[in-house]
Amino acid sequence: MTLPAFLVAALAEIGGCFAFWHVVRHGGAPWWLAAGTASLAAFAYALTFVEAEAAGRAFAAYGGIYIAASLAWLWAVEGVRPDRWDAAGALMCLAGAAVIVFGPRG
């Protein structure tokens, strides 16, 4: 359940933040703020489904997923292709998230 929860959370968080970005930076209609707020609430709810014994650990591991998903958004929605440095950074963050999620605990 962890990976699907992370992916839903990432889409909801990025979409919610983008809604605010669109209003402030590009003069989008105010209704975008309502959609953005609802999306950010969905993000927080999605993270409650992550299989972790502590919220902080779940949030830390989510950071790697968020970074990779943000680069996918950059390409798919904003039309900017990530470069090799973006890809390398995302891979490092995903590796860090995997250590947090799958590391042995005593």
N, C-alpha and C. Protein backbone atom coordinates (compact mmCIF):
# COMPACT_ATOMS: atom_id res chain seq x y z
N MET A 1 0.82 -1.20 0.00
CA MET A 1 0.00 0.00 0.00
C MET A 1 0.85 1.26 0.00
N THR A 2 2.12 1.15 0.37
CA THR A 2 2.96 2.33 0.50
C THR A 2 3.20 3.04 -0.83
N LEU A 3 3.62 2.32 -1.86
CA LEU A 3 3.91 2.97 -3.14
C LEU A 3 2.69 3.65 -3.74
N PRO A 4 1.52 2.97 -3.81
CA PRO A 4 0.34 3.67 -4.33
C PRO A 4 -0.02 4.92 -3.51
N ALA A 5 0.11 4.83 -2.19
CA ALA A 5 -0.19 5.99 -1.35
C ALA A 5 0.77 7.13 -1.65
N PHE A 6 2.06 6.81 -1.80
CA PHE A 6 3.04 7.83 -2.16
C PHE A 6 2.72 8.47 -3.51
N LEU A 7 2.34 7.66 -4.49
CA LEU A 7 2.06 8.19 -5.83
C LEU A 7 0.82 9.08 -5.83
N VAL A 8 -0.23 8.66 -5.13
CA VAL A 8 -1.43 9.49 -5.02
C VAL A 8 -1.09 10.79 -4.29
N ALA A 9 -0.33 10.68 -3.22
CA ALA A 9 0.06 11.87 -2.45
C ALA A 9 0.86 12.83 -3.32
N ALA A 10 1.78 12.30 -4.10
CA ALA A 10 2.62 13.16 -4.95
C ALA A 10 1.77 13.90 -5.98
N LEU A 11 0.89 13.19 -6.65
CA LEU A 11 0.04 13.83 -7.65
C LEU A 11 -0.83 14.90 -7.00
N ALA A 12 -1.40 14.59 -5.83
CA ALA A 12 -2.26 15.56 -5.15
C ALA A 12 -1.47 16.77 -4.67
N GLU A 13 -0.28 16.54 -4.11
CA GLU A 13 0.51 17.67 -3.61
C GLU A 13 0.99 18.56 -4.75
N ILE A 14 1.51 17.94 -5.79
CA ILE A 14 2.02 18.73 -6.91
C ILE A 14 0.88 19.49 -7.58
N GLY A 15 -0.25 18.82 -7.77
CA GLY A 15 -1.40 19.50 -8.37
C GLY A 15 -1.89 20.66 -7.52
N GLY A 16 -1.94 20.46 -6.20
CA GLY A 16 -2.37 21.53 -5.30
C GLY A 16 -1.42 22.71 -5.30
N CYS A 17 -0.15 22.42 -5.24
CA CYS A 17 0.84 23.50 -5.27
C CYS A 17 0.84 24.22 -6.61
N PHE A 18 0.67 23.45 -7.69
CA PHE A 18 0.62 24.06 -9.02
C PHE A 18 -0.57 25.01 -9.14
N ALA A 19 -1.70 24.64 -8.53
CA ALA A 19 -2.88 25.52 -8.58
C ALA A 19 -2.56 26.89 -7.98
N PHE A 20 -1.89 26.90 -6.82
CA PHE A 20 -1.52 28.17 -6.20
C PHE A 20 -0.49 28.91 -7.06
N TRP A 21 0.48 28.18 -7.59
CA TRP A 21 1.49 28.76 -8.49
C TRP A 21 0.80 29.43 -9.68
N HIS A 22 -0.17 28.73 -10.24
CA HIS A 22 -0.88 29.25 -11.42
C HIS A 22 -1.61 30.57 -11.11
N VAL A 23 -2.23 30.63 -9.94
CA VAL A 23 -2.95 31.85 -9.57
C VAL A 23 -1.97 33.00 -9.32
N VAL A 24 -0.96 32.74 -8.52
CA VAL A 24 -0.04 33.81 -8.11
C VAL A 24 0.88 34.24 -9.25
N ARG A 25 1.42 33.28 -9.98
CA ARG A 25 2.43 33.61 -11.00
C ARG A 25 1.85 33.91 -12.38
N HIS A 26 0.65 33.34 -12.65
CA HIS A 26 0.11 33.50 -14.00
C HIS A 26 -1.28 34.12 -14.02
N GLY A 27 -1.76 34.60 -12.88
CA GLY A 27 -3.04 35.27 -12.83
C GLY A 27 -4.23 34.36 -13.07
N GLY A 28 -4.13 33.10 -12.67
CA GLY A 28 -5.23 32.15 -12.85
C GLY A 28 -6.46 32.57 -12.07
N ALA A 29 -7.59 32.03 -12.46
CA ALA A 29 -8.86 32.34 -11.80
C ALA A 29 -8.82 31.88 -10.34
N PRO A 30 -9.51 32.62 -9.47
CA PRO A 30 -9.51 32.29 -8.04
C PRO A 30 -10.03 30.89 -7.71
N TRP A 31 -10.89 30.32 -8.55
CA TRP A 31 -11.40 28.97 -8.27
C TRP A 31 -10.28 27.94 -8.24
N TRP A 32 -9.14 28.25 -8.87
CA TRP A 32 -7.99 27.34 -8.80
C TRP A 32 -7.55 27.16 -7.34
N LEU A 33 -7.73 28.19 -6.51
CA LEU A 33 -7.32 28.10 -5.10
C LEU A 33 -8.16 27.06 -4.35
N ALA A 34 -9.45 27.00 -4.66
CA ALA A 34 -10.31 25.99 -4.02
C ALA A 34 -9.89 24.60 -4.44
N ALA A 35 -9.63 24.43 -5.73
CA ALA A 35 -9.17 23.13 -6.22
C ALA A 35 -7.82 22.77 -5.61
N GLY A 36 -6.93 23.75 -5.50
CA GLY A 36 -5.62 23.51 -4.91
C GLY A 36 -5.71 23.13 -3.45
N THR A 37 -6.58 23.78 -2.71
CA THR A 37 -6.77 23.45 -1.30
C THR A 37 -7.31 22.04 -1.13
N ALA A 38 -8.30 21.67 -1.94
CA ALA A 38 -8.85 20.31 -1.88
C ALA A 38 -7.77 19.29 -2.24
N SER A 39 -6.97 19.59 -3.21
CA SER A 39 -5.91 18.68 -3.62
C SER A 39 -4.87 18.51 -2.52
N LEU A 40 -4.52 19.59 -1.84
CA LEU A 40 -3.56 19.49 -0.74
C LEU A 40 -4.14 18.70 0.45
N ALA A 41 -5.43 18.81 0.67
CA ALA A 41 -6.06 17.99 1.71
C ALA A 41 -6.02 16.51 1.32
N ALA A 42 -6.24 16.22 0.04
CA ALA A 42 -6.16 14.84 -0.44
C ALA A 42 -4.74 14.30 -0.29
N PHE A 43 -3.75 15.14 -0.51
CA PHE A 43 -2.34 14.77 -0.31
C PHE A 43 -2.11 14.32 1.13
N ALA A 44 -2.54 15.12 2.07
CA ALA A 44 -2.33 14.79 3.48
C ALA A 44 -3.05 13.50 3.85
N TYR A 45 -4.25 13.33 3.35
CA TYR A 45 -5.01 12.10 3.63
C TYR A 45 -4.32 10.88 3.03
N ALA A 46 -3.81 11.00 1.82
CA ALA A 46 -3.14 9.87 1.16
C ALA A 46 -1.94 9.39 1.97
N LEU A 47 -1.22 10.30 2.58
CA LEU A 47 -0.05 9.90 3.36
C LEU A 47 -0.41 9.08 4.59
N THR A 48 -1.66 9.16 5.04
CA THR A 48 -2.06 8.36 6.20
C THR A 48 -2.11 6.87 5.87
N PHE A 49 -2.07 6.51 4.59
CA PHE A 49 -2.12 5.11 4.17
C PHE A 49 -0.73 4.49 4.00
N VAL A 50 0.30 5.26 4.24
CA VAL A 50 1.67 4.75 4.14
C VAL A 50 1.93 3.82 5.32
N GLU A 51 2.50 2.67 5.02
CA GLU A 51 2.79 1.68 6.06
C GLU A 51 4.12 2.03 6.75
N ALA A 52 4.00 2.82 7.80
CA ALA A 52 5.18 3.21 8.59
C ALA A 52 4.73 3.38 10.03
N GLU A 53 5.63 3.09 10.95
CA GLU A 53 5.28 3.19 12.37
C GLU A 53 5.35 4.63 12.88
N ALA A 54 5.96 5.51 12.11
CA ALA A 54 6.10 6.91 12.53
C ALA A 54 5.85 7.84 11.35
N ALA A 55 5.10 8.88 11.59
CA ALA A 55 4.77 9.82 10.52
C ALA A 55 6.02 10.46 9.91
N GLY A 56 6.95 10.85 10.77
CA GLY A 56 8.16 11.50 10.26
C GLY A 56 8.93 10.63 9.29
N ARG A 57 9.00 9.33 9.56
CA ARG A 57 9.70 8.43 8.65
C ARG A 57 8.95 8.32 7.32
N ALA A 58 7.64 8.26 7.38
CA ALA A 58 6.83 8.20 6.15
C ALA A 58 7.03 9.48 5.34
N PHE A 59 7.04 10.62 6.01
CA PHE A 59 7.21 11.89 5.30
C PHE A 59 8.60 11.99 4.68
N ALA A 60 9.61 11.52 5.39
CA ALA A 60 10.98 11.57 4.88
C ALA A 60 11.12 10.70 3.64
N ALA A 61 10.59 9.49 3.70
CA ALA A 61 10.67 8.59 2.55
C ALA A 61 9.89 9.15 1.37
N TYR A 62 8.77 9.80 1.64
CA TYR A 62 7.95 10.39 0.59
C TYR A 62 8.72 11.45 -0.20
N GLY A 63 9.67 12.10 0.44
CA GLY A 63 10.43 13.16 -0.24
C GLY A 63 11.06 12.69 -1.54
N GLY A 64 11.61 11.49 -1.57
CA GLY A 64 12.20 10.97 -2.80
C GLY A 64 11.18 10.79 -3.90
N ILE A 65 10.01 10.28 -3.53
CA ILE A 65 8.93 10.09 -4.50
C ILE A 65 8.46 11.45 -5.03
N TYR A 66 8.34 12.41 -4.13
CA TYR A 66 7.90 13.75 -4.52
C TYR A 66 8.84 14.36 -5.55
N ILE A 67 10.12 14.21 -5.34
CA ILE A 67 11.10 14.79 -6.26
C ILE A 67 10.98 14.15 -7.64
N ALA A 68 10.91 12.83 -7.70
CA ALA A 68 10.78 12.14 -8.99
C ALA A 68 9.46 12.52 -9.67
N ALA A 69 8.38 12.57 -8.90
CA ALA A 69 7.08 12.93 -9.46
C ALA A 69 7.07 14.38 -9.95
N SER A 70 7.77 15.26 -9.25
CA SER A 70 7.85 16.66 -9.68
C SER A 70 8.54 16.78 -11.03
N LEU A 71 9.55 15.98 -11.25
CA LEU A 71 10.24 16.01 -12.55
C LEU A 71 9.35 15.42 -13.65
N ALA A 72 8.56 14.41 -13.31
CA ALA A 72 7.59 13.87 -14.28
C ALA A 72 6.56 14.95 -14.63
N TRP A 73 6.10 15.70 -13.63
CA TRP A 73 5.15 16.80 -13.85
C TRP A 73 5.80 17.87 -14.75
N LEU A 74 7.05 18.20 -14.45
CA LEU A 74 7.78 19.18 -15.24
C LEU A 74 7.72 18.84 -16.71
N TRP A 75 7.91 17.56 -17.01
CA TRP A 75 7.94 17.10 -18.40
C TRP A 75 6.53 16.98 -18.98
N ALA A 76 5.63 16.30 -18.26
CA ALA A 76 4.30 16.00 -18.79
C ALA A 76 3.38 17.22 -18.86
N VAL A 77 3.43 18.08 -17.85
CA VAL A 77 2.49 19.19 -17.77
C VAL A 77 3.09 20.50 -18.27
N GLU A 78 4.35 20.75 -17.89
CA GLU A 78 4.96 22.02 -18.25
C GLU A 78 5.77 21.96 -19.53
N GLY A 79 5.96 20.77 -20.07
CA GLY A 79 6.65 20.63 -21.35
C GLY A 79 8.15 20.87 -21.31
N VAL A 80 8.75 20.77 -20.13
CA VAL A 80 10.19 20.97 -19.99
C VAL A 80 10.81 19.60 -19.69
N ARG A 81 11.68 19.15 -20.57
CA ARG A 81 12.29 17.84 -20.39
C ARG A 81 13.40 17.90 -19.34
N PRO A 82 13.31 17.05 -18.32
CA PRO A 82 14.38 17.01 -17.32
C PRO A 82 15.71 16.63 -17.97
N ASP A 83 16.80 17.20 -17.46
CA ASP A 83 18.11 16.87 -18.01
C ASP A 83 18.76 15.76 -17.19
N ARG A 84 19.98 15.41 -17.54
CA ARG A 84 20.65 14.30 -16.86
C ARG A 84 20.91 14.59 -15.40
N TRP A 85 21.08 15.84 -15.05
CA TRP A 85 21.30 16.21 -13.66
C TRP A 85 20.02 16.05 -12.85
N ASP A 86 18.90 16.39 -13.46
CA ASP A 86 17.61 16.16 -12.81
C ASP A 86 17.43 14.67 -12.55
N ALA A 87 17.70 13.86 -13.58
CA ALA A 87 17.54 12.41 -13.45
C ALA A 87 18.48 11.83 -12.39
N ALA A 88 19.72 12.27 -12.39
CA ALA A 88 20.68 11.77 -11.40
C ALA A 88 20.24 12.14 -9.99
N GLY A 89 19.81 13.36 -9.80
CA GLY A 89 19.35 13.80 -8.49
C GLY A 89 18.13 13.01 -8.02
N ALA A 90 17.19 12.79 -8.94
CA ALA A 90 15.99 12.03 -8.59
C ALA A 90 16.35 10.60 -8.21
N LEU A 91 17.27 9.99 -8.94
CA LEU A 91 17.68 8.62 -8.62
C LEU A 91 18.33 8.55 -7.23
N MET A 92 19.14 9.53 -6.91
CA MET A 92 19.75 9.55 -5.58
C MET A 92 18.68 9.69 -4.49
N CYS A 93 17.70 10.54 -4.74
CA CYS A 93 16.63 10.73 -3.75
C CYS A 93 15.79 9.47 -3.60
N LEU A 94 15.51 8.79 -4.71
CA LEU A 94 14.76 7.53 -4.63
C LEU A 94 15.55 6.47 -3.88
N ALA A 95 16.85 6.45 -4.09
CA ALA A 95 17.69 5.50 -3.34
C ALA A 95 17.61 5.81 -1.84
N GLY A 96 17.67 7.06 -1.49
CA GLY A 96 17.55 7.46 -0.09
C GLY A 96 16.20 7.08 0.49
N ALA A 97 15.13 7.28 -0.28
CA ALA A 97 13.80 6.88 0.18
C ALA A 97 13.72 5.39 0.40
N ALA A 98 14.34 4.61 -0.49
CA ALA A 98 14.34 3.14 -0.36
C ALA A 98 15.07 2.72 0.91
N VAL A 99 16.16 3.38 1.24
CA VAL A 99 16.89 3.05 2.47
C VAL A 99 15.99 3.32 3.68
N ILE A 100 15.29 4.43 3.66
CA ILE A 100 14.39 4.76 4.78
C ILE A 100 13.26 3.75 4.91
N VAL A 101 12.66 3.39 3.78
CA VAL A 101 11.51 2.48 3.81
C VAL A 101 11.90 1.04 4.13
N PHE A 102 12.97 0.57 3.49
CA PHE A 102 13.30 -0.85 3.57
C PHE A 102 14.45 -1.18 4.52
N GLY A 103 15.06 -0.17 5.12
CA GLY A 103 16.16 -0.43 6.04
C GLY A 103 15.73 -1.27 7.22
N PRO A 104 16.61 -2.19 7.65
CA PRO A 104 16.25 -3.04 8.80
C PRO A 104 16.15 -2.22 10.08
N ARG A 105 15.16 -2.49 10.82
CA ARG A 105 14.95 -1.79 12.10
C ARG A 105 15.07 -2.81 13.23
N GLY A 106 15.71 -2.44 14.31
CA GLY A 106 15.94 -3.37 15.41
C GLY A 106 14.88 -3.43 16.43
